[in-house]
Amino acid sequence: MVSNTISFLDLKKQQLRLGNAVKNRVAQVLSHCQFILGPEVQELEERLALYVGAKFCIGVSSGTDAIQIALMAENIGAGDAVFLPAFTYTATAEVPLVLGATPVFVDIDPETFQIDPTHLRLCIKKIRDEGKLTPRAIIGVDLFGQPAPWDILRQIAQQEQLFLLDDCAQSFGGMYQGHKLGTEADATVTSFFPSKPFGGYGDGGAIFTNDPEKAEIYRSLRSHGEGKTRYQVLRTGMNGRLDTIQAAVLLAKLDFFDAELTRREEIACLYDQHLASVVQVPVRVPHSQSAWAIYSILLPDEHARTELQNKLKEHNIATAIYYPLPLHQQPAYCNSHDGSVLPVSERISKQILALPIHPELTDEEVLQIIHAIKG
């Protein structure tokens, strides 16, 4: 048994590594006191748009609000169906309900855990045949750091004339077919929640688009539906602005971000090398580079997972389960789901276990985790 605790996330060590970069950026905000939509917000938007290759980036208050603003801009609401994977975080599904729409849960690929295009087509056909809801949008989720199958999702969205949204909350910095995620769909949203690969020190998010008209609407919606002036109200909006202090934190961290992605990849490769013979390690999405927000292994069943999790806890190694219950089985969504079984999502939720994979981990700590699993 090792004496030191290996955390699932260690923001204190992160701050020590970043030195005074964050403090200096925040101090600038405290000096000019433009706490709402200050100059750091625009600077961050410009730098992030350039980073992912999008024409526009709109900073908002959270990843959840980013989804809501993107769907509000499409006037999605009562009577509309929004298709999304059942195996993801609740934010993706709760927004359609908040807007009065209905989330339609789609099963996932058993290897990559990304939305299953074949099942998606069946779900769209079923909704059209029933005639009770109008299919309006698809939300693809880049789960755990890896990209969804965007080539196929774009084909489906075009054929069905649906709005396509990329929920890139866990995968900002990841790559697909040689370029950064951020331009695969009609719009892309991300989150700066502290646990994300590119996380702030509070809530925050962003929307990416190449459409200047949509960018203008997103900026309006994040600020109460304002027009050219503060007291010109063009539409029903929300208070969804990114705080200047969070923008300052993110600007400081952006200078270190690519190095952190490299470190996450190194850790993932160590896990792959040493664990592939004893557990099922993540399957890499072809032609991609993961941001490695989460490194999840699969155990044979729920009992084996519990045993391993308890064993690692005895070794002071933190783990997590993403996700212990697929969304269609959550109480909040029971009335929205038709009761059909989604076998892959249900099986994976009983097998999956996430290991620490943050840049503060040393090789020695990673090897301690590996030896604890294999021992």
Protein backbone atom coordinates (compact mmCIF):
# COMPACT_ATOMS: atom_id res chain seq x y z
CA MET A 1 0.00 0.00 0.00
CA VAL A 2 1.33 3.46 -0.97
CA SER A 3 1.18 6.23 1.59
CA ASN A 4 0.58 9.20 -0.70
CA THR A 5 -2.87 9.96 -2.08
CA ILE A 6 -3.25 10.06 -5.85
CA SER A 7 -6.05 12.50 -6.63
CA PHE A 8 -8.44 12.26 -9.54
CA LEU A 9 -7.81 15.97 -10.16
CA ASP A 10 -5.27 18.23 -8.46
CA LEU A 11 -5.90 21.93 -9.03
CA LYS A 12 -3.57 22.97 -6.19
CA LYS A 13 -0.59 21.37 -7.93
CA GLN A 14 -1.76 22.90 -11.18
CA GLN A 15 -1.63 26.38 -9.67
CA LEU A 16 1.87 25.75 -8.36
CA ARG A 17 3.00 24.64 -11.81
CA LEU A 18 1.46 27.65 -13.52
CA GLY A 19 3.31 29.96 -11.15
CA ASN A 20 2.18 33.58 -11.20
CA ALA A 21 0.65 33.47 -14.68
CA VAL A 22 -2.94 33.22 -13.42
CA LYS A 23 -2.41 35.71 -10.58
CA ASN A 24 -0.95 38.29 -12.93
CA ARG A 25 -3.84 37.98 -15.37
CA VAL A 26 -6.44 38.24 -12.60
CA ALA A 27 -4.60 41.23 -11.11
CA GLN A 28 -5.04 43.06 -14.41
CA VAL A 29 -8.81 42.59 -14.17
CA LEU A 30 -8.84 43.81 -10.57
CA SER A 31 -6.95 46.86 -11.78
CA HIS A 32 -9.29 47.89 -14.60
CA CYS A 33 -12.49 46.60 -12.87
CA GLN A 34 -14.32 45.69 -16.10
CA PHE A 35 -15.74 42.51 -14.58
CA ILE A 36 -18.48 41.95 -17.17
CA LEU A 37 -17.40 41.52 -20.81
CA GLY A 38 -14.06 43.15 -20.12
CA PRO A 39 -11.22 43.18 -22.69
CA GLU A 40 -10.00 39.72 -21.61
CA VAL A 41 -13.25 38.17 -22.85
CA GLN A 42 -12.75 39.48 -26.38
CA GLU A 43 -9.07 38.50 -26.30
CA LEU A 44 -9.95 34.98 -25.23
CA GLU A 45 -12.66 34.69 -27.90
CA GLU A 46 -10.23 35.74 -30.61
CA ARG A 47 -7.50 33.38 -29.46
CA LEU A 48 -9.83 30.38 -29.08
CA ALA A 49 -11.42 30.94 -32.49
CA LEU A 50 -7.93 30.97 -34.01
CA TYR A 51 -6.97 27.86 -32.01
CA VAL A 52 -9.81 25.71 -33.39
CA GLY A 53 -10.03 27.35 -36.83
CA ALA A 54 -13.48 28.85 -36.39
CA LYS A 55 -14.45 32.34 -37.55
CA PHE A 56 -16.26 33.24 -34.33
CA CYS A 57 -16.09 32.34 -30.65
CA ILE A 58 -18.66 33.60 -28.14
CA GLY A 59 -17.77 33.25 -24.46
CA VAL A 60 -20.66 32.31 -22.20
CA SER A 61 -21.32 31.49 -18.56
CA SER A 62 -21.19 27.67 -18.78
CA GLY A 63 -21.19 24.75 -21.17
CA THR A 64 -24.84 24.16 -20.34
CA ASP A 65 -25.74 27.74 -21.22
CA ALA A 66 -23.78 27.34 -24.45
CA ILE A 67 -26.06 24.45 -25.44
CA GLN A 68 -29.14 26.43 -24.45
CA ILE A 69 -28.13 29.51 -26.43
CA ALA A 70 -27.34 27.41 -29.51
CA LEU A 71 -30.75 25.71 -29.39
CA MET A 72 -32.60 28.94 -28.57
CA ALA A 73 -31.12 30.48 -31.71
CA GLU A 74 -32.81 27.69 -33.70
CA ASN A 75 -36.17 28.37 -31.98
CA ILE A 76 -36.25 24.80 -30.72
CA GLY A 77 -39.06 24.24 -28.23
CA ALA A 78 -42.37 22.50 -27.60
CA GLY A 79 -43.16 19.69 -30.01
CA ASP A 80 -39.56 19.35 -31.22
CA ALA A 81 -37.31 16.29 -30.91
CA VAL A 82 -33.60 16.62 -30.15
CA PHE A 83 -31.53 13.45 -30.68
CA LEU A 84 -28.56 12.83 -28.38
CA PRO A 85 -26.58 9.96 -26.86
CA ALA A 86 -27.96 8.28 -23.75
CA PHE A 87 -24.46 7.85 -22.34
CA THR A 88 -23.28 11.33 -21.44
CA TYR A 89 -23.64 14.04 -18.78
CA THR A 90 -27.10 15.33 -17.96
CA ALA A 91 -26.49 18.87 -19.27
CA THR A 92 -26.83 17.67 -22.87
CA ALA A 93 -30.32 16.33 -22.23
CA GLU A 94 -31.68 18.82 -19.72
CA VAL A 95 -31.47 21.82 -22.05
CA PRO A 96 -34.03 20.50 -24.57
CA LEU A 97 -36.42 19.88 -21.69
CA VAL A 98 -35.86 23.36 -20.27
CA LEU A 99 -36.80 24.75 -23.69
CA GLY A 100 -39.91 22.57 -23.86
CA ALA A 101 -38.48 20.15 -26.43
CA THR A 102 -38.09 16.39 -26.01
CA PRO A 103 -34.70 14.64 -25.79
CA VAL A 104 -34.62 11.39 -27.77
CA PHE A 105 -31.98 9.05 -26.38
CA VAL A 106 -29.75 7.17 -28.82
CA ASP A 107 -27.55 4.20 -27.95
CA ILE A 108 -23.78 4.27 -28.31
CA ASP A 109 -21.01 2.43 -30.12
CA PRO A 110 -19.75 -0.38 -27.82
CA GLU A 111 -16.09 0.41 -28.50
CA THR A 112 -15.80 4.20 -28.73
CA PHE A 113 -18.86 5.07 -26.56
CA GLN A 114 -19.82 7.71 -29.15
CA ILE A 115 -23.36 8.04 -30.51
CA ASP A 116 -24.31 5.12 -32.79
CA PRO A 117 -25.26 6.46 -36.27
CA THR A 118 -27.23 3.33 -37.15
CA HIS A 119 -29.41 3.62 -34.08
CA LEU A 120 -29.70 7.37 -34.66
CA ARG A 121 -31.23 6.78 -38.09
CA LEU A 122 -33.72 4.33 -36.57
CA CYS A 123 -34.68 6.83 -33.88
CA ILE A 124 -35.26 9.61 -36.40
CA LYS A 125 -37.39 7.31 -38.56
CA LYS A 126 -39.41 6.22 -35.54
CA ILE A 127 -40.13 9.79 -34.48
CA ARG A 128 -41.15 10.75 -38.02
CA ASP A 129 -43.39 7.69 -38.36
CA GLU A 130 -45.13 8.38 -35.05
CA GLY A 131 -45.82 11.96 -36.08
CA LYS A 132 -46.07 13.32 -32.55
CA LEU A 133 -42.81 15.27 -32.54
CA THR A 134 -40.90 17.19 -35.19
CA PRO A 135 -37.22 16.17 -35.54
CA ARG A 136 -35.18 19.36 -35.25
CA ALA A 137 -31.65 18.72 -34.03
CA ILE A 138 -28.86 16.23 -33.38
CA ILE A 139 -26.36 16.77 -30.58
CA GLY A 140 -23.18 14.79 -31.04
CA VAL A 141 -21.04 14.52 -27.92
CA ASP A 142 -17.26 14.20 -28.14
CA LEU A 143 -17.18 11.89 -25.15
CA PHE A 144 -14.21 11.57 -22.78
CA GLY A 145 -11.94 13.55 -25.13
CA GLN A 146 -12.56 11.69 -28.39
CA PRO A 147 -14.58 12.89 -31.40
CA ALA A 148 -18.03 11.69 -32.37
CA PRO A 149 -18.39 10.21 -35.92
CA TRP A 150 -18.79 13.62 -37.54
CA ASP A 151 -18.65 12.60 -41.20
CA ILE A 152 -21.66 10.33 -40.77
CA LEU A 153 -23.49 12.72 -38.44
CA ARG A 154 -23.19 15.51 -41.01
CA GLN A 155 -24.62 13.22 -43.69
CA ILE A 156 -27.57 12.31 -41.50
CA ALA A 157 -28.20 15.94 -40.49
CA GLN A 158 -28.14 17.06 -44.13
CA GLN A 159 -30.39 14.25 -45.31
CA GLU A 160 -32.89 14.85 -42.52
CA GLN A 161 -32.52 18.68 -42.59
CA LEU A 162 -31.62 18.84 -38.89
CA PHE A 163 -29.50 21.32 -36.95
CA LEU A 164 -26.24 19.65 -35.92
CA LEU A 165 -24.58 20.67 -32.65
CA ASP A 166 -21.21 19.48 -31.36
CA ASP A 167 -21.06 19.16 -27.56
CA CYS A 168 -17.29 19.37 -27.18
CA ALA A 169 -17.35 20.01 -23.42
CA GLN A 170 -15.00 17.10 -22.67
CA SER A 171 -12.86 17.30 -25.78
CA PHE A 172 -11.66 20.84 -26.38
CA GLY A 173 -8.15 20.50 -27.79
CA GLY A 174 -8.88 17.13 -29.35
CA MET A 175 -8.34 16.55 -33.05
CA TYR A 176 -10.31 14.90 -35.84
CA GLN A 177 -8.83 14.16 -39.26
CA GLY A 178 -5.88 16.46 -38.70
CA HIS A 179 -7.56 19.54 -37.26
CA LYS A 180 -8.85 20.72 -33.90
CA LEU A 181 -12.43 20.00 -32.93
CA GLY A 182 -14.62 23.09 -33.17
CA THR A 183 -15.88 23.25 -36.75
CA GLU A 184 -17.41 19.82 -37.37
CA ALA A 185 -21.04 20.85 -36.88
CA ASP A 186 -23.28 23.85 -37.52
CA ALA A 187 -22.16 25.08 -34.12
CA THR A 188 -19.82 23.74 -31.43
CA VAL A 189 -20.11 24.29 -27.68
CA THR A 190 -17.56 23.65 -24.96
CA SER A 191 -17.23 23.95 -21.20
CA PHE A 192 -14.54 25.50 -19.02
CA PHE A 193 -15.62 23.68 -15.87
CA PRO A 194 -12.50 23.16 -13.70
CA SER A 195 -12.30 19.40 -14.33
CA LYS A 196 -12.23 19.77 -18.12
CA PRO A 197 -8.91 19.56 -20.03
CA PHE A 198 -9.12 23.33 -20.59
CA GLY A 199 -10.83 24.39 -17.37
CA GLY A 200 -11.13 27.66 -15.54
CA TYR A 201 -11.51 28.27 -11.83
CA GLY A 202 -15.29 28.47 -11.96
CA ASP A 203 -18.03 28.03 -14.54
CA GLY A 204 -17.62 29.11 -18.14
CA GLY A 205 -18.15 28.00 -21.70
CA ALA A 206 -18.05 29.04 -25.34
CA ILE A 207 -19.83 28.65 -28.67
CA PHE A 208 -17.99 28.38 -32.00
CA THR A 209 -19.51 29.06 -35.40
CA ASN A 210 -18.52 30.15 -38.90
CA ASP A 211 -21.88 31.89 -39.46
CA PRO A 212 -21.73 35.66 -38.78
CA GLU A 213 -25.51 35.94 -38.36
CA LYS A 214 -25.58 33.13 -35.80
CA ALA A 215 -22.63 34.66 -33.97
CA GLU A 216 -24.56 37.92 -33.65
CA ILE A 217 -27.61 36.07 -32.32
CA TYR A 218 -25.50 34.12 -29.81
CA ARG A 219 -23.99 37.35 -28.50
CA SER A 220 -27.44 38.85 -28.19
CA LEU A 221 -28.92 35.83 -26.42
CA ARG A 222 -26.12 35.67 -23.85
CA SER A 223 -26.91 39.28 -22.85
CA HIS A 224 -30.68 39.30 -22.34
CA GLY A 225 -31.45 39.49 -26.06
CA GLU A 226 -29.82 42.90 -26.43
CA GLY A 227 -29.39 44.63 -29.78
CA LYS A 228 -26.85 47.32 -30.59
CA THR A 229 -27.39 49.00 -27.22
CA ARG A 230 -28.01 47.67 -23.74
CA TYR A 231 -31.62 48.82 -23.66
CA GLN A 232 -32.59 47.66 -27.13
CA VAL A 233 -34.15 44.22 -26.57
CA LEU A 234 -34.56 42.27 -29.79
CA ARG A 235 -35.42 38.83 -28.46
CA THR A 236 -35.94 36.85 -25.26
CA GLY A 237 -32.47 36.03 -24.05
CA MET A 238 -30.71 35.09 -20.83
CA ASN A 239 -27.90 36.19 -18.54
CA GLY A 240 -25.22 33.94 -19.97
CA ARG A 241 -22.05 36.02 -20.15
CA LEU A 242 -18.54 34.78 -19.41
CA ASP A 243 -17.02 36.58 -16.43
CA THR A 244 -13.90 38.62 -17.19
CA ILE A 245 -11.98 37.00 -14.33
CA GLN A 246 -12.65 33.53 -15.78
CA ALA A 247 -11.49 34.77 -19.18
CA ALA A 248 -8.29 36.01 -17.54
CA VAL A 249 -7.67 32.64 -15.89
CA LEU A 250 -8.24 30.85 -19.19
CA LEU A 251 -5.92 33.19 -21.07
CA ALA A 252 -3.15 32.38 -18.61
CA LYS A 253 -3.79 28.65 -18.91
CA LEU A 254 -4.01 28.71 -22.69
CA ASP A 255 -0.26 29.27 -22.91
CA PHE A 256 0.29 25.91 -21.16
CA PHE A 257 -2.58 23.98 -22.74
CA ASP A 258 -0.81 22.16 -25.58
CA ALA A 259 1.88 20.93 -23.18
CA GLU A 260 -0.87 19.63 -20.89
CA LEU A 261 -2.50 17.77 -23.79
CA THR A 262 0.86 16.18 -24.56
CA ARG A 263 1.21 15.05 -20.96
CA ARG A 264 -2.29 13.56 -20.97
CA GLU A 265 -1.39 11.58 -24.09
CA GLU A 266 1.80 10.31 -22.43
CA ILE A 267 -0.19 9.07 -19.44
CA ALA A 268 -2.78 7.42 -21.69
CA CYS A 269 0.00 5.61 -23.57
CA LEU A 270 1.48 4.34 -20.29
CA TYR A 271 -1.92 2.99 -19.28
CA ASP A 272 -2.41 1.41 -22.69
CA GLN A 273 1.00 -0.23 -22.61
CA HIS A 274 0.69 -1.79 -19.16
CA LEU A 275 -3.05 -2.41 -18.72
CA ALA A 276 -4.19 -3.79 -22.08
CA SER A 277 -3.43 -7.33 -20.92
CA VAL A 278 -5.61 -7.14 -17.79
CA VAL A 279 -8.54 -4.81 -18.59
CA GLN A 280 -10.19 -3.36 -21.66
CA VAL A 281 -8.49 -0.04 -22.36
CA PRO A 282 -10.06 2.74 -24.45
CA VAL A 283 -10.42 2.16 -28.17
CA ARG A 284 -9.00 5.11 -30.11
CA VAL A 285 -11.30 6.75 -32.64
CA PRO A 286 -9.57 6.44 -36.05
CA HIS A 287 -7.88 9.55 -37.50
CA SER A 288 -8.15 11.44 -34.23
CA GLN A 289 -6.25 12.67 -31.19
CA SER A 290 -8.01 12.53 -27.85
CA ALA A 291 -7.91 15.38 -25.33
CA TRP A 292 -8.09 12.65 -22.65
CA ALA A 293 -10.54 14.37 -20.33
CA ILE A 294 -11.31 10.91 -18.97
CA TYR A 295 -9.45 7.60 -19.27
CA SER A 296 -11.97 4.83 -18.69
CA ILE A 297 -11.31 1.12 -18.55
CA LEU A 298 -13.95 -1.61 -18.77
CA LEU A 299 -14.30 -4.44 -16.26
CA PRO A 300 -16.23 -7.68 -16.90
CA ASP A 301 -19.18 -6.64 -14.74
CA GLU A 302 -20.35 -4.39 -11.91
CA HIS A 303 -19.02 -6.71 -9.21
CA ALA A 304 -15.51 -6.72 -10.72
CA ARG A 305 -15.62 -2.94 -10.98
CA THR A 306 -16.60 -2.54 -7.33
CA GLU A 307 -13.80 -4.86 -6.26
CA LEU A 308 -11.19 -2.95 -8.25
CA GLN A 309 -12.47 0.44 -7.11
CA ASN A 310 -12.29 -0.67 -3.47
CA LYS A 311 -8.82 -2.09 -4.01
CA LEU A 312 -7.58 1.19 -5.49
CA LYS A 313 -9.18 3.11 -2.65
CA GLU A 314 -7.15 1.01 -0.20
CA HIS A 315 -4.07 2.18 -2.10
CA ASN A 316 -5.23 5.82 -1.76
CA ILE A 317 -5.96 6.04 -5.49
CA ALA A 318 -9.05 8.01 -6.47
CA THR A 319 -11.32 6.77 -9.26
CA ALA A 320 -14.69 7.80 -10.69
CA ILE A 321 -17.56 6.29 -12.66
CA TYR A 322 -18.68 8.07 -15.82
CA TYR A 323 -21.59 7.22 -15.88
CA PRO A 324 -23.24 4.95 -13.30
CA LEU A 325 -26.64 5.28 -15.00
CA PRO A 326 -27.42 6.19 -18.62
CA LEU A 327 -29.66 9.20 -19.05
CA HIS A 328 -32.75 7.33 -20.25
CA GLN A 329 -32.80 5.51 -16.90
CA GLN A 330 -32.48 8.66 -14.80
CA PRO A 331 -35.67 9.68 -12.92
CA ALA A 332 -35.65 13.15 -14.48
CA TYR A 333 -36.01 11.71 -18.00
CA CYS A 334 -38.36 8.79 -17.48
CA ASN A 335 -41.36 10.73 -18.79
CA SER A 336 -39.44 11.70 -21.92
CA HIS A 337 -38.23 8.21 -22.81
CA ASP A 338 -40.44 5.66 -24.55
CA GLY A 339 -39.19 2.82 -22.34
CA SER A 340 -37.11 1.08 -24.99
CA VAL A 341 -33.96 -0.71 -23.90
CA LEU A 342 -30.62 0.79 -24.93
CA PRO A 343 -28.45 -2.27 -24.30
CA VAL A 344 -24.98 -0.87 -24.95
CA SER A 345 -25.41 2.21 -22.74
CA GLU A 346 -26.93 0.07 -19.99
CA ARG A 347 -24.12 -2.51 -20.13
CA ILE A 348 -21.26 -0.01 -20.30
CA SER A 349 -22.59 1.91 -17.29
CA LYS A 350 -22.06 -1.22 -15.17
CA GLN A 351 -18.52 -1.92 -16.41
CA ILE A 352 -16.82 1.43 -16.77
CA LEU A 353 -14.26 2.93 -14.38
CA ALA A 354 -12.22 6.13 -14.84
CA LEU A 355 -8.59 6.40 -13.73
CA PRO A 356 -6.70 9.61 -12.90
CA ILE A 357 -5.30 11.31 -16.02
CA HIS A 358 -4.34 14.89 -15.22
CA PRO A 359 -1.07 16.65 -16.16
CA GLU A 360 0.12 16.84 -12.55
CA LEU A 361 0.58 13.05 -12.35
CA THR A 362 4.19 11.87 -12.33
CA ASP A 363 5.31 8.73 -14.12
CA GLU A 364 5.91 7.19 -10.71
CA GLU A 365 2.31 7.83 -9.69
CA VAL A 366 0.98 6.43 -12.96
CA LEU A 367 3.05 3.28 -12.43
CA GLN A 368 1.69 3.02 -8.86
CA ILE A 369 -1.82 3.02 -10.30
CA ILE A 370 -0.87 0.41 -12.87
CA HIS A 371 0.79 -1.85 -10.31
CA ALA A 372 -2.20 -1.55 -7.98
CA ILE A 373 -4.51 -2.68 -10.78
CA LYS A 374 -2.29 -5.55 -11.86
CA GLY A 375 -1.25 -6.62 -8.35
